C-alpha atoms as a PDB file:
ATOM      1  CA  MET A   1      77.716  95.824 134.196  1.00  0.00           C
ATOM      2  CA  LYS A   2      79.251  93.714 131.138  1.00  0.00           C
ATOM      3  CA  PRO A   3      80.302  90.276 131.653  1.00  0.00           C
ATOM      4  CA  LEU A   4      83.965  89.805 131.962  1.00  0.00           C
ATOM      5  CA  LYS A   5      85.704  88.565 128.580  1.00  0.00           C
ATOM      6  CA  ASN A   6      89.056  86.742 128.161  1.00  0.00           C
ATOM      7  CA  LYS A   7      91.482  86.820 125.346  1.00  0.00           C
ATOM      8  CA  VAL A   8      92.164  83.451 123.773  1.00  0.00           C
ATOM      9  CA  SER A   9      94.091  82.298 120.748  1.00  0.00           C
ATOM     10  CA  ILE A  10      92.865  79.836 118.241  1.00  0.00           C
ATOM     11  CA  THR A  11      93.916  78.416 114.917  1.00  0.00           C
ATOM     12  CA  LEU A  12      91.282  78.401 112.154  1.00  0.00           C
ATOM     13  CA  ASP A  13      91.150  77.181 108.479  1.00  0.00           C
ATOM     14  CA  ALA A  14      91.675  80.023 106.111  1.00  0.00           C
ATOM     15  CA  ASP A  15      88.210  79.272 104.200  1.00  0.00           C
ATOM     16  CA  ILE A  16      86.598  79.519 107.768  1.00  0.00           C
ATOM     17  CA  ILE A  17      87.886  82.730 108.578  1.00  0.00           C
ATOM     18  CA  GLU A  18      86.871  84.388 105.307  1.00  0.00           C
ATOM     19  CA  GLN A  19      83.279  83.036 105.809  1.00  0.00           C
ATOM     20  CA  ILE A  20      82.858  84.331 109.171  1.00  0.00           C
ATOM     21  CA  LYS A  21      84.363  87.564 107.939  1.00  0.00           C
ATOM     22  CA  ILE A  22      81.602  88.017 105.403  1.00  0.00           C
ATOM     23  CA  LEU A  23      79.083  86.930 107.818  1.00  0.00           C
ATOM     24  CA  ALA A  24      80.222  89.143 110.455  1.00  0.00           C
ATOM     25  CA  GLU A  25      80.234  92.144 108.136  1.00  0.00           C
ATOM     26  CA  HIS A  26      76.766  91.257 106.847  1.00  0.00           C
ATOM     27  CA  ASP A  27      75.573  91.115 110.351  1.00  0.00           C
ATOM     28  CA  ASN A  28      77.459  94.304 111.149  1.00  0.00           C
ATOM     29  CA  ARG A  29      79.523  92.839 113.885  1.00  0.00           C
ATOM     30  CA  SER A  30      82.993  92.520 114.545  1.00  0.00           C
ATOM     31  CA  PHE A  31      84.860  88.960 113.731  1.00  0.00           C
ATOM     32  CA  SER A  32      85.212  88.502 117.598  1.00  0.00           C
ATOM     33  CA  GLN A  33      81.358  89.385 118.240  1.00  0.00           C
ATOM     34  CA  TYR A  34      80.374  87.093 115.502  1.00  0.00           C
ATOM     35  CA  ILE A  35      82.205  84.096 116.703  1.00  0.00           C
ATOM     36  CA  ASN A  36      81.289  84.773 120.216  1.00  0.00           C
ATOM     37  CA  MET A  37      77.417  84.824 119.187  1.00  0.00           C
ATOM     38  CA  ILE A  38      78.035  81.403 117.233  1.00  0.00           C
ATOM     39  CA  LEU A  39      79.530  79.779 120.081  1.00  0.00           C
ATOM     40  CA  LYS A  40      76.883  80.983 122.466  1.00  0.00           C
ATOM     41  CA  GLU A  41      74.112  79.574 120.239  1.00  0.00           C
ATOM     42  CA  HIS A  42      75.830  76.179 119.763  1.00  0.00           C
ATOM     43  CA  LEU A  43      76.157  75.808 123.339  1.00  0.00           C
ATOM     44  CA  GLU A  44      72.609  76.714 123.879  1.00  0.00           C
ATOM     45  CA  HIS A  45      71.613  74.096 121.204  1.00  0.00           C
ATOM     46  CA  GLN A  46      73.894  71.307 123.046  1.00  0.00           C
ATOM     47  CA  LYS A  47      71.840  71.951 126.343  1.00  0.00           C
ATOM     48  CA  LYS A  48      68.674  70.655 124.636  1.00  0.00           C
END
């Protein structure tokens, strides 16, 4: 079973949005999937 997801609304700088869109496309992921991946990696790094 997939984990539950919640919708959130955030405000990002335009340049950050463009960079994430490019990176997500290169990684064959959606914008949301890419942000989720980045946040998971950051949170794991913070635990160390």
